[in-house]
Amino acid sequence: MTDTVAERKMQFMYALRSKGITDTRVLTAMEKVDRGLFVKGLFADRAYEDTPLPIACGQTISQPSVVGLMTQALNVTSRDKVLEVGTGSGYQSAILSHLARRVYTVERHRRLVSGAQKVFEDLDLTNVTAFLSDGSFGWPEQAPFDRIIVTAAAEDAPGPLLAQLKVGGIMVLPVGQSDTVQSMIRVVRSESGFDYEELRPVRFVPLVEGLARDN
């Protein structure tokens, strides 16, 4: 059984490289973070497939290659303070924890926050803080951020998040008016405004305002 898991993990890393993830730091972080710890129940045996999978509260854990490409586009350094909007399973946060100085992650589903916090504790990720909050407003108390990553799609980059990005900072997020037509974009804040770059088509759950009713 162990051999099978080891083989799956090796194929998992190969798939990431074949999808265009070339940043050594990102690949190393993704090798350190076992996706199997974030996929529960019926889908546990599919944890090392390059596919999105259902998690609690009607949400998904993103496709690993998309996680890798977003992380690579974010260009995180060891000095950076990062905001993640949409904690979900905590998988993306855990990867960022190996790259950044501090990671703040917000989520509108209380059950997902508590589940992610438990995994962070089990993995001894002391530089990650998860918080129950409406992510579309970011985390003003901890702003500004060097990097912001959004793992749910809005029609446009939310104004409050843009305002919380440092000059010289980078935000990576999916944007689109429906769940079928979305683009991953990178936003860089300069002294004079914001520069937008479209990276690739993606498909994410929508960014929803307010706390979830299941709280």
Protein backbone atom coordinates (compact mmCIF):
# COMPACT_ATOMS: atom_id res chain seq x y z
CA MET A 1 0.00 0.00 0.00
CA THR A 2 2.83 2.38 0.91
CA ASP A 3 4.47 1.77 -2.45
CA THR A 4 1.22 2.64 -4.19
CA VAL A 5 0.91 5.92 -2.28
CA ALA A 6 4.57 6.78 -2.96
CA GLU A 7 4.02 6.06 -6.64
CA ARG A 8 0.91 8.22 -6.73
CA LYS A 9 2.80 11.08 -5.09
CA MET A 10 5.60 10.75 -7.65
CA GLN A 11 3.07 10.86 -10.50
CA PHE A 12 1.42 13.82 -8.77
CA MET A 13 4.67 15.82 -8.85
CA TYR A 14 5.32 14.83 -12.46
CA ALA A 15 1.83 16.07 -13.41
CA LEU A 16 2.56 19.44 -11.79
CA ARG A 17 5.76 19.88 -13.80
CA SER A 18 4.04 18.83 -17.02
CA LYS A 19 1.36 21.53 -16.48
CA GLY A 20 3.95 24.33 -16.40
CA ILE A 21 4.90 24.62 -12.74
CA THR A 22 8.64 25.23 -12.95
CA ASP A 23 9.36 27.33 -9.84
CA THR A 24 11.52 25.11 -7.60
CA ARG A 25 10.28 26.73 -4.39
CA VAL A 26 6.65 26.13 -5.35
CA LEU A 27 7.33 22.51 -6.33
CA THR A 28 9.21 21.90 -3.07
CA ALA A 29 6.34 23.39 -1.01
CA MET A 30 3.81 21.24 -2.86
CA GLU A 31 5.92 18.16 -2.27
CA LYS A 32 6.02 18.93 1.47
CA VAL A 33 2.24 19.38 1.77
CA ASP A 34 0.41 16.06 1.48
CA ARG A 35 -2.87 16.70 -0.34
CA GLY A 36 -4.16 13.44 1.14
CA LEU A 37 -4.52 15.18 4.51
CA PHE A 38 -7.03 17.64 3.03
CA VAL A 39 -9.32 15.24 1.15
CA LYS A 40 -11.71 13.25 3.34
CA GLY A 41 -14.28 10.50 2.92
CA LEU A 42 -15.32 9.11 -0.44
CA PHE A 43 -12.74 11.05 -2.41
CA ALA A 44 -9.71 10.29 -0.21
CA ASP A 45 -8.31 7.76 -2.69
CA ARG A 46 -8.33 10.42 -5.43
CA ALA A 47 -6.24 12.93 -3.46
CA TYR A 48 -3.23 12.63 -5.79
CA GLU A 49 -5.18 13.10 -9.02
CA ASP A 50 -4.86 16.45 -10.79
CA THR A 51 -8.53 17.24 -10.41
CA PRO A 52 -10.73 19.41 -8.18
CA LEU A 53 -12.65 17.41 -5.55
CA PRO A 54 -15.68 18.12 -3.35
CA ILE A 55 -15.16 19.09 0.29
CA ALA A 56 -17.62 20.10 3.03
CA CYS A 57 -20.12 22.98 2.72
CA GLY A 58 -20.57 22.50 -1.04
CA GLN A 59 -17.06 23.77 -1.76
CA THR A 60 -14.12 22.20 -3.60
CA ILE A 61 -10.41 21.65 -3.12
CA SER A 62 -8.83 23.11 -6.25
CA GLN A 63 -7.02 21.16 -8.95
CA PRO A 64 -3.39 20.85 -7.79
CA SER A 65 -1.93 22.19 -11.04
CA VAL A 66 -4.14 25.29 -10.74
CA VAL A 67 -3.01 25.73 -7.10
CA GLY A 68 0.58 25.48 -8.32
CA LEU A 69 0.10 27.92 -11.20
CA MET A 70 -1.64 30.48 -8.96
CA THR A 71 1.10 30.14 -6.34
CA GLN A 72 3.78 30.50 -9.00
CA ALA A 73 2.08 33.62 -10.41
CA LEU A 74 1.93 35.10 -6.90
CA ASN A 75 5.76 35.02 -6.69
CA VAL A 76 5.81 34.81 -2.89
CA THR A 77 9.05 35.60 -1.05
CA SER A 78 10.06 34.60 2.47
CA ARG A 79 9.49 38.19 3.66
CA ASP A 80 5.90 38.43 2.43
CA LYS A 81 2.68 38.75 4.37
CA VAL A 82 -0.03 36.98 2.37
CA LEU A 83 -3.82 37.17 2.49
CA GLU A 84 -5.82 34.24 1.16
CA VAL A 85 -9.55 34.69 0.53
CA GLY A 86 -11.33 31.34 0.69
CA THR A 87 -9.60 28.95 3.11
CA GLY A 88 -11.59 25.91 2.00
CA SER A 89 -9.74 22.75 3.02
CA GLY A 90 -6.63 24.75 3.97
CA TYR A 91 -4.50 23.14 1.24
CA GLN A 92 -3.50 26.39 -0.48
CA SER A 93 -2.75 28.05 2.88
CA ALA A 94 -0.49 25.17 3.89
CA ILE A 95 1.53 25.50 0.68
CA LEU A 96 1.82 29.27 1.15
CA SER A 97 3.02 28.72 4.74
CA HIS A 98 6.23 27.16 3.36
CA LEU A 99 6.86 30.20 1.13
CA ALA A 100 5.75 33.29 3.07
CA ARG A 101 6.55 34.94 6.40
CA ARG A 102 2.88 35.07 7.47
CA VAL A 103 -0.35 33.76 5.94
CA TYR A 104 -3.76 35.14 6.90
CA THR A 105 -6.69 33.21 5.47
CA VAL A 106 -10.40 34.07 5.65
CA GLU A 107 -13.41 31.83 5.06
CA ARG A 108 -17.20 32.31 5.33
CA HIS A 109 -17.97 28.72 6.47
CA ARG A 110 -17.26 28.11 10.16
CA ARG A 111 -16.93 24.33 9.62
CA LEU A 112 -14.20 24.83 7.04
CA VAL A 113 -12.29 27.26 9.27
CA SER A 114 -12.27 24.82 12.20
CA GLY A 115 -11.32 21.89 9.93
CA ALA A 116 -8.43 23.84 8.38
CA GLN A 117 -7.22 25.07 11.79
CA LYS A 118 -7.00 21.47 13.02
CA VAL A 119 -4.86 20.44 10.03
CA PHE A 120 -2.61 23.49 10.51
CA GLU A 121 -2.13 22.49 14.16
CA ASP A 122 -1.44 18.85 13.24
CA LEU A 123 1.19 20.01 10.74
CA ASP A 124 2.61 22.58 13.20
CA LEU A 125 2.12 25.44 10.73
CA THR A 126 2.56 28.29 13.21
CA ASN A 127 2.66 31.09 10.63
CA VAL A 128 -0.93 30.57 9.37
CA THR A 129 -3.94 32.31 10.93
CA ALA A 130 -7.47 31.37 9.82
CA PHE A 131 -10.47 33.58 10.52
CA LEU A 132 -14.23 33.36 9.97
CA SER A 133 -15.09 36.41 7.87
CA ASP A 134 -16.62 37.75 4.66
CA GLY A 135 -13.57 37.45 2.41
CA SER A 136 -14.76 39.99 -0.12
CA PHE A 137 -13.76 42.65 2.44
CA GLY A 138 -10.33 41.11 3.06
CA TRP A 139 -8.79 41.55 6.51
CA PRO A 140 -8.43 45.32 7.10
CA GLU A 141 -6.87 44.90 10.57
CA GLN A 142 -3.85 43.13 9.09
CA ALA A 143 -3.56 45.19 5.87
CA PRO A 144 -1.62 46.05 3.82
CA PHE A 145 -0.49 42.75 2.28
CA ASP A 146 2.44 41.96 0.01
CA ARG A 147 0.44 39.25 -1.75
CA ILE A 148 -3.27 38.42 -2.01
CA ILE A 149 -4.72 35.23 -3.48
CA VAL A 150 -8.44 34.69 -4.03
CA THR A 151 -9.74 31.16 -4.53
CA ALA A 152 -13.29 32.06 -5.61
CA ALA A 153 -14.39 34.00 -8.68
CA ALA A 154 -15.77 37.54 -8.63
CA GLU A 155 -16.89 39.57 -11.65
CA ASP A 156 -13.98 41.93 -11.05
CA ALA A 157 -11.17 42.27 -8.54
CA PRO A 158 -12.96 43.44 -5.34
CA GLY A 159 -12.19 47.06 -4.42
CA PRO A 160 -11.50 46.37 -0.71
CA LEU A 161 -8.89 43.76 -1.68
CA LEU A 162 -7.19 46.08 -4.15
CA ALA A 163 -7.06 48.72 -1.40
CA GLN A 164 -5.33 46.27 0.96
CA LEU A 165 -2.55 45.43 -1.52
CA LYS A 166 0.79 47.16 -0.95
CA VAL A 167 2.41 49.21 -3.71
CA GLY A 168 4.55 46.66 -5.53
CA GLY A 169 2.25 43.89 -4.30
CA ILE A 170 0.68 41.15 -6.39
CA MET A 171 -2.84 39.71 -6.33
CA VAL A 172 -3.85 36.55 -8.21
CA LEU A 173 -7.52 35.66 -8.59
CA PRO A 174 -10.13 34.21 -10.94
CA VAL A 175 -12.60 36.67 -12.47
CA GLY A 176 -15.64 36.02 -14.61
CA GLN A 177 -19.38 36.63 -14.83
CA SER A 178 -20.33 32.94 -14.77
CA ASP A 179 -18.91 29.62 -13.60
CA THR A 180 -18.19 28.64 -17.20
CA VAL A 181 -16.19 31.66 -18.40
CA GLN A 182 -13.48 32.69 -15.96
CA SER A 183 -9.89 33.84 -16.27
CA MET A 184 -7.05 33.70 -13.77
CA ILE A 185 -5.55 37.18 -13.63
CA ARG A 186 -2.56 38.78 -11.94
CA VAL A 187 -2.86 42.32 -10.62
CA VAL A 188 0.26 44.32 -9.73
CA ARG A 189 -0.12 47.55 -7.78
CA SER A 190 2.13 50.40 -8.85
CA GLU A 191 2.47 53.97 -7.59
CA SER A 192 0.10 55.09 -10.35
CA GLY A 193 -2.53 52.32 -10.21
CA PHE A 194 -3.04 48.67 -11.08
CA ASP A 195 -1.68 46.59 -13.96
CA TYR A 196 -3.76 43.59 -15.01
CA GLU A 197 -2.51 40.49 -16.81
CA GLU A 198 -4.71 37.61 -17.97
CA LEU A 199 -3.02 34.25 -17.36
CA ARG A 200 -5.31 31.35 -18.32
CA PRO A 201 -8.92 30.09 -18.28
CA VAL A 202 -10.05 28.54 -14.98
CA ARG A 203 -13.21 27.44 -13.21
CA PHE A 204 -13.84 28.29 -9.54
CA VAL A 205 -16.81 28.49 -7.19
CA PRO A 206 -18.22 32.05 -6.99
CA LEU A 207 -17.07 34.59 -4.41
CA VAL A 208 -20.14 35.09 -2.20
CA GLU A 209 -20.61 38.02 0.14
CA GLY A 210 -21.61 37.54 3.76
CA LEU A 211 -21.10 34.66 6.20
CA ALA A 212 -22.61 31.31 5.24
CA ARG A 213 -25.95 30.36 6.79
CA ASP A 214 -24.50 27.08 8.03
CA ASN A 215 -22.66 29.09 10.71
